[in-house]
Amino acid sequence: MPKSSDSPAAPPPSRDRESVTKALLDAAERLLVSEGYARVSTRRLAQEAQVNAGLVHYYFGSMEELLAQVLERFTSRLIERQRAMYAADGPFIEKWRTAWRLHEEDLAAGYPKLWFELQAMAWNDARLRERLVAVNAEWRAVLAEALARARAQHELPFDQPDNQALVALVMRLAQGAQLERLLGIDDGHDELLTWIDELLTSLEAT
């Protein structure tokens, strides 16, 4: 009896582990962004990556592990970019404006959609939830560092809200905006950003 194409298999001789895992991660990222988790089956993923379906479990153990690695890989690219942006010379307000321009790029690239797809999965999967909490912590660390530098630079004459509260505020602002934008809602977004920009401009002047 011939073997099923879905059975576990060693990687084809012409493709090494690195190239196969990259093909699967790339394919999963594309499918999550374009079609959503509900339509990413092992067979569909293997077809997109042009590999044997058995290699999904051979290399990752489960679809959940593969998808967690997709998010972690995508996040690492963006975290590196954000750290470099905030570490550069220049006033904080310019970095804030750049961050929101990048926010638009990330929406177009599909990162928020991927994040929220996996977040919904994680509500009922404790192991996946731990991975997403760790990703969230990476974003918070970048913001905490950037906001702490900005507060020190401007020597703000008040202690509240503290840095942790500011990080939470910015995280909620960004993720709330992403959720609404994914639904096609942007009422008040420009007005809110304009108000924040004016506030930061006044602080830069002090």
Protein backbone atom coordinates (compact mmCIF):
# COMPACT_ATOMS: atom_id res chain seq x y z
CA MET A 1 0.00 0.00 0.00
CA PRO A 2 1.49 3.40 -0.90
CA LYS A 3 2.26 5.77 1.93
CA SER A 4 -0.09 8.70 2.56
CA SER A 5 1.35 12.09 1.68
CA ASP A 6 0.29 13.24 5.17
CA SER A 7 2.41 10.68 7.04
CA PRO A 8 5.53 11.83 8.93
CA ALA A 9 8.50 11.96 6.63
CA ALA A 10 12.14 12.88 6.64
CA PRO A 11 12.97 16.04 4.71
CA PRO A 12 13.57 15.59 0.98
CA PRO A 13 17.27 15.17 0.18
CA SER A 14 17.27 18.36 -1.86
CA ARG A 15 15.98 20.53 1.00
CA ASP A 16 17.61 20.94 4.40
CA ARG A 17 15.88 21.59 7.71
CA GLU A 18 16.40 25.35 7.62
CA SER A 19 14.88 25.80 4.17
CA VAL A 20 11.86 23.58 4.92
CA THR A 21 11.07 25.25 8.26
CA LYS A 22 11.45 28.69 6.66
CA ALA A 23 9.10 27.69 3.84
CA LEU A 24 6.51 26.52 6.38
CA LEU A 25 6.82 29.63 8.56
CA ASP A 26 6.60 31.91 5.51
CA ALA A 27 3.55 30.04 4.22
CA ALA A 28 1.81 30.09 7.60
CA GLU A 29 2.42 33.83 7.93
CA ARG A 30 0.91 34.49 4.49
CA LEU A 31 -2.12 32.31 5.17
CA LEU A 32 -2.83 33.72 8.63
CA VAL A 33 -2.79 37.24 7.22
CA SER A 34 -4.77 36.51 4.07
CA GLU A 35 -7.22 33.80 5.18
CA GLY A 36 -7.16 33.46 8.98
CA TYR A 37 -6.47 30.54 11.31
CA ALA A 38 -9.74 28.73 10.63
CA ARG A 39 -8.63 28.05 7.05
CA VAL A 40 -5.02 27.04 7.80
CA SER A 41 -5.09 23.24 7.78
CA THR A 42 -1.97 21.09 7.72
CA ARG A 43 -2.69 20.10 4.12
CA ARG A 44 -3.37 23.70 3.03
CA LEU A 45 -0.18 24.88 4.71
CA ALA A 46 1.92 22.16 3.10
CA GLN A 47 0.52 23.02 -0.32
CA GLU A 48 1.34 26.69 0.18
CA ALA A 49 4.88 25.84 1.32
CA GLN A 50 5.28 23.15 -1.37
CA VAL A 51 6.45 20.51 1.09
CA ASN A 52 5.19 17.14 2.33
CA ALA A 53 2.34 17.65 4.82
CA GLY A 54 4.01 15.25 7.27
CA LEU A 55 6.87 17.73 7.69
CA VAL A 56 4.64 20.15 9.60
CA HIS A 57 4.53 17.80 12.60
CA TYR A 58 7.99 16.37 11.90
CA TYR A 59 9.61 19.78 12.48
CA PHE A 60 7.12 21.60 14.74
CA GLY A 61 5.21 18.88 16.60
CA SER A 62 1.90 20.69 16.19
CA MET A 63 0.23 23.46 14.24
CA GLU A 64 -0.02 25.51 17.44
CA GLU A 65 3.76 25.42 17.87
CA LEU A 66 4.30 26.44 14.26
CA LEU A 67 1.89 29.37 14.55
CA ALA A 68 3.47 30.53 17.82
CA GLN A 69 6.84 30.59 16.07
CA VAL A 70 5.31 32.58 13.21
CA LEU A 71 4.22 35.28 15.66
CA GLU A 72 7.54 35.25 17.52
CA ARG A 73 9.52 35.54 14.29
CA PHE A 74 7.34 38.38 12.98
CA THR A 75 7.57 40.15 16.34
CA SER A 76 11.36 39.89 16.47
CA ARG A 77 11.63 41.76 13.18
CA LEU A 78 9.42 44.57 14.42
CA ILE A 79 10.99 44.74 17.89
CA GLU A 80 14.45 45.15 16.35
CA ARG A 81 13.10 47.97 14.18
CA GLN A 82 11.40 49.72 17.11
CA ARG A 83 14.44 49.51 19.37
CA ALA A 84 16.63 51.07 16.68
CA MET A 85 14.08 53.81 16.06
CA TYR A 86 13.71 54.78 19.71
CA ALA A 87 17.47 54.57 20.35
CA ALA A 88 18.29 57.04 17.57
CA ASP A 89 19.07 60.68 18.32
CA GLY A 90 16.25 63.17 18.08
CA PRO A 91 13.25 64.44 20.02
CA PHE A 92 10.68 61.98 21.33
CA ILE A 93 7.85 63.58 19.38
CA GLU A 94 9.52 62.65 16.08
CA LYS A 95 9.91 59.09 17.27
CA TRP A 96 6.24 59.03 18.30
CA ARG A 97 5.21 60.22 14.84
CA THR A 98 7.46 57.63 13.23
CA ALA A 99 5.96 54.92 15.46
CA TRP A 100 2.47 55.72 14.21
CA ARG A 101 3.62 55.74 10.59
CA LEU A 102 5.09 52.29 11.25
CA HIS A 103 1.78 51.34 12.88
CA GLU A 104 0.14 51.91 9.49
CA GLU A 105 2.80 49.80 7.77
CA ASP A 106 2.27 46.98 10.24
CA LEU A 107 -1.48 47.03 9.63
CA ALA A 108 -0.84 46.73 5.89
CA ALA A 109 1.65 43.91 6.47
CA GLY A 110 -0.90 42.01 8.57
CA TYR A 111 0.88 41.86 11.94
CA PRO A 112 -2.11 43.00 14.04
CA LYS A 113 -4.40 40.55 12.26
CA LEU A 114 -1.96 37.72 12.97
CA TRP A 115 -1.70 38.78 16.62
CA PHE A 116 -5.45 38.88 17.18
CA GLU A 117 -5.99 35.58 15.35
CA LEU A 118 -3.59 33.84 17.73
CA GLN A 119 -4.87 35.75 20.75
CA ALA A 120 -8.33 34.30 20.17
CA MET A 121 -6.80 30.81 20.00
CA ALA A 122 -4.83 31.45 23.21
CA TRP A 123 -7.93 32.14 25.28
CA ASN A 124 -8.50 28.38 25.36
CA ASP A 125 -4.89 27.18 25.13
CA ALA A 126 -2.75 27.80 28.21
CA ARG A 127 0.57 26.99 26.53
CA LEU A 128 -0.12 29.30 23.61
CA ARG A 129 -1.31 31.97 26.02
CA GLU A 130 2.07 31.89 27.77
CA ARG A 131 3.81 32.48 24.44
CA LEU A 132 1.58 35.46 23.64
CA VAL A 133 2.07 36.95 27.09
CA ALA A 134 5.83 36.75 26.47
CA VAL A 135 5.44 38.53 23.12
CA ASN A 136 3.34 41.22 24.78
CA ALA A 137 6.07 41.65 27.41
CA GLU A 138 8.64 42.31 24.67
CA TRP A 139 6.55 45.17 23.30
CA ARG A 140 6.03 46.56 26.80
CA ALA A 141 9.78 46.48 27.47
CA VAL A 142 10.51 48.51 24.33
CA LEU A 143 7.88 51.09 25.29
CA ALA A 144 8.99 51.24 28.91
CA GLU A 145 12.54 52.04 27.89
CA ALA A 146 11.48 54.67 25.34
CA LEU A 147 9.02 56.39 27.68
CA ALA A 148 11.48 56.40 30.58
CA ARG A 149 14.03 58.20 28.40
CA ALA A 150 11.39 60.69 27.27
CA ARG A 151 10.29 61.43 30.85
CA ALA A 152 13.89 61.97 31.93
CA GLN A 153 14.61 64.18 28.92
CA HIS A 154 11.69 66.50 29.65
CA GLU A 155 12.00 66.39 33.45
CA LEU A 156 8.25 66.26 33.86
CA PRO A 157 7.07 68.09 36.98
CA PHE A 158 4.78 65.28 38.13
CA ASP A 159 5.16 61.65 39.15
CA GLN A 160 1.81 60.33 37.98
CA PRO A 161 0.98 58.43 35.95
CA ASP A 162 4.04 56.28 36.52
CA ASN A 163 5.88 54.64 33.65
CA GLN A 164 4.04 51.33 33.95
CA ALA A 165 0.71 53.14 33.63
CA LEU A 166 1.94 55.06 30.57
CA VAL A 167 3.05 51.82 28.94
CA ALA A 168 -0.38 50.31 29.58
CA LEU A 169 -2.05 53.42 28.14
CA VAL A 170 -0.02 53.34 24.92
CA MET A 171 -0.52 49.58 24.53
CA ARG A 172 -4.28 49.97 24.88
CA LEU A 173 -4.28 52.91 22.48
CA ALA A 174 -2.36 50.98 19.82
CA GLN A 175 -4.22 47.69 20.15
CA GLY A 176 -7.60 49.38 20.37
CA ALA A 177 -6.85 51.33 17.21
CA GLN A 178 -5.71 48.15 15.47
CA LEU A 179 -8.89 46.27 16.40
CA GLU A 180 -11.09 49.04 15.07
CA ARG A 181 -9.05 49.50 11.91
CA LEU A 182 -9.31 45.78 11.15
CA LEU A 183 -13.09 46.30 11.16
CA GLY A 184 -12.80 49.38 8.98
CA ILE A 185 -13.52 51.80 11.85
CA ASP A 186 -11.41 54.93 12.26
CA ASP A 187 -13.86 57.45 13.76
CA GLY A 188 -11.95 59.91 15.94
CA HIS A 189 -8.56 58.28 15.40
CA ASP A 190 -6.98 61.23 13.58
CA GLU A 191 -8.45 63.69 16.06
CA LEU A 192 -7.04 61.74 19.02
CA LEU A 193 -3.58 61.51 17.46
CA THR A 194 -3.66 65.24 16.68
CA TRP A 195 -4.48 66.00 20.33
CA ILE A 196 -1.63 63.77 21.54
CA ASP A 197 0.73 65.37 19.03
CA GLU A 198 -0.16 68.83 20.33
CA LEU A 199 0.38 67.69 23.91
CA LEU A 200 3.80 66.25 23.09
CA THR A 201 4.70 69.41 21.15
CA SER A 202 3.94 71.50 24.23
CA LEU A 203 6.15 69.24 26.34
CA GLU A 204 8.98 69.48 23.81
CA ALA A 205 8.80 73.27 24.21
CA THR A 206 9.32 73.18 27.97
